[in-house]
Amino acid sequence: MFSLNKYHGLVPSGMYTTSECTPPVEGNPGRDYLKNTGCYRYACNKQSSGMFCAALIVTDGWQIAPDYPW
């Protein structure tokens, strides 16, 4: 999922602070956060909604890593 951010434009959800979630590092929250965060169950894993999966792919250099959860 991507979202419009008034400061950064079109960004993958999970990369920047929103009213719902605050990543540990703005713009580069890290793979662990994107895959495992408890933030509204948005994490990129099969037990969550997967809303942060686009951010995980961007973080991985636009590659789908071998440990990609889907």
Protein backbone atom coordinates (compact mmCIF):
# COMPACT_ATOMS: atom_id res chain seq x y z
CA MET A 1 0.00 0.00 0.00
CA PHE A 2 1.19 3.50 -0.82
CA SER A 3 -0.04 6.73 0.69
CA LEU A 4 0.28 10.44 0.06
CA ASN A 5 2.37 12.24 2.64
CA LYS A 6 2.20 16.04 2.60
CA TYR A 7 5.94 16.26 3.31
CA HIS A 8 7.29 13.35 1.23
CA GLY A 9 4.78 12.80 -1.58
CA LEU A 10 3.80 9.27 -2.61
CA VAL A 11 5.44 6.83 -0.19
CA PRO A 12 4.98 3.20 0.81
CA SER A 13 2.95 2.92 3.99
CA GLY A 14 5.12 2.37 7.03
CA MET A 15 8.07 4.53 6.01
CA TYR A 16 7.04 7.76 7.75
CA THR A 17 5.13 8.80 10.84
CA THR A 18 1.36 8.92 10.46
CA SER A 19 -1.45 9.61 12.90
CA GLU A 20 -1.62 5.83 13.49
CA CYS A 21 2.03 4.74 13.57
CA THR A 22 5.47 6.07 14.36
CA PRO A 23 8.35 4.06 12.89
CA PRO A 24 11.61 3.88 14.86
CA VAL A 25 13.46 5.78 12.09
CA GLU A 26 11.69 8.22 9.72
CA GLY A 27 12.05 7.08 6.12
CA ASN A 28 14.04 3.95 6.95
CA PRO A 29 12.30 2.03 9.73
CA GLY A 30 14.13 -1.22 9.00
CA ARG A 31 13.06 -4.69 7.96
CA ASP A 32 12.25 -5.91 11.46
CA TYR A 33 9.75 -3.11 12.08
CA LEU A 34 8.08 -3.57 8.68
CA LYS A 35 7.78 -7.34 9.12
CA ASN A 36 6.86 -7.50 12.80
CA THR A 37 5.37 -4.25 14.10
CA GLY A 38 2.24 -4.44 16.17
CA CYS A 39 1.08 -1.07 14.82
CA TYR A 40 -2.59 -1.79 14.04
CA ARG A 41 -1.50 -5.15 12.64
CA TYR A 42 -0.15 -3.49 9.48
CA ALA A 43 3.08 -5.54 9.38
CA CYS A 44 4.14 -7.45 6.31
CA ASN A 45 3.45 -10.97 7.51
CA LYS A 46 0.67 -13.53 7.16
CA GLN A 47 -0.80 -12.81 10.59
CA SER A 48 -1.26 -9.10 9.78
CA SER A 49 -2.85 -7.11 6.99
CA GLY A 50 0.36 -6.71 4.97
CA MET A 51 -0.05 -2.96 4.51
CA PHE A 52 3.71 -2.42 5.02
CA CYS A 53 4.79 -4.93 2.33
CA ALA A 54 5.49 -2.25 -0.30
CA ALA A 55 7.78 -0.51 2.20
CA LEU A 56 9.60 -3.81 2.79
CA ILE A 57 10.19 -4.25 -0.95
CA VAL A 58 11.48 -0.66 -1.23
CA THR A 59 13.73 -1.20 1.81
CA ASP A 60 15.11 -4.32 0.12
CA GLY A 61 16.13 -2.28 -2.94
CA TRP A 62 13.02 -3.10 -4.97
CA GLN A 63 13.79 -6.82 -4.68
CA ILE A 64 11.62 -9.55 -3.21
CA ALA A 65 14.00 -11.10 -0.70
CA PRO A 66 14.08 -14.89 -0.06
CA ASP A 67 12.50 -14.32 3.37
CA TYR A 68 9.62 -12.21 1.98
CA PRO A 69 6.61 -13.45 3.97
CA TRP A 70 4.17 -14.07 1.13
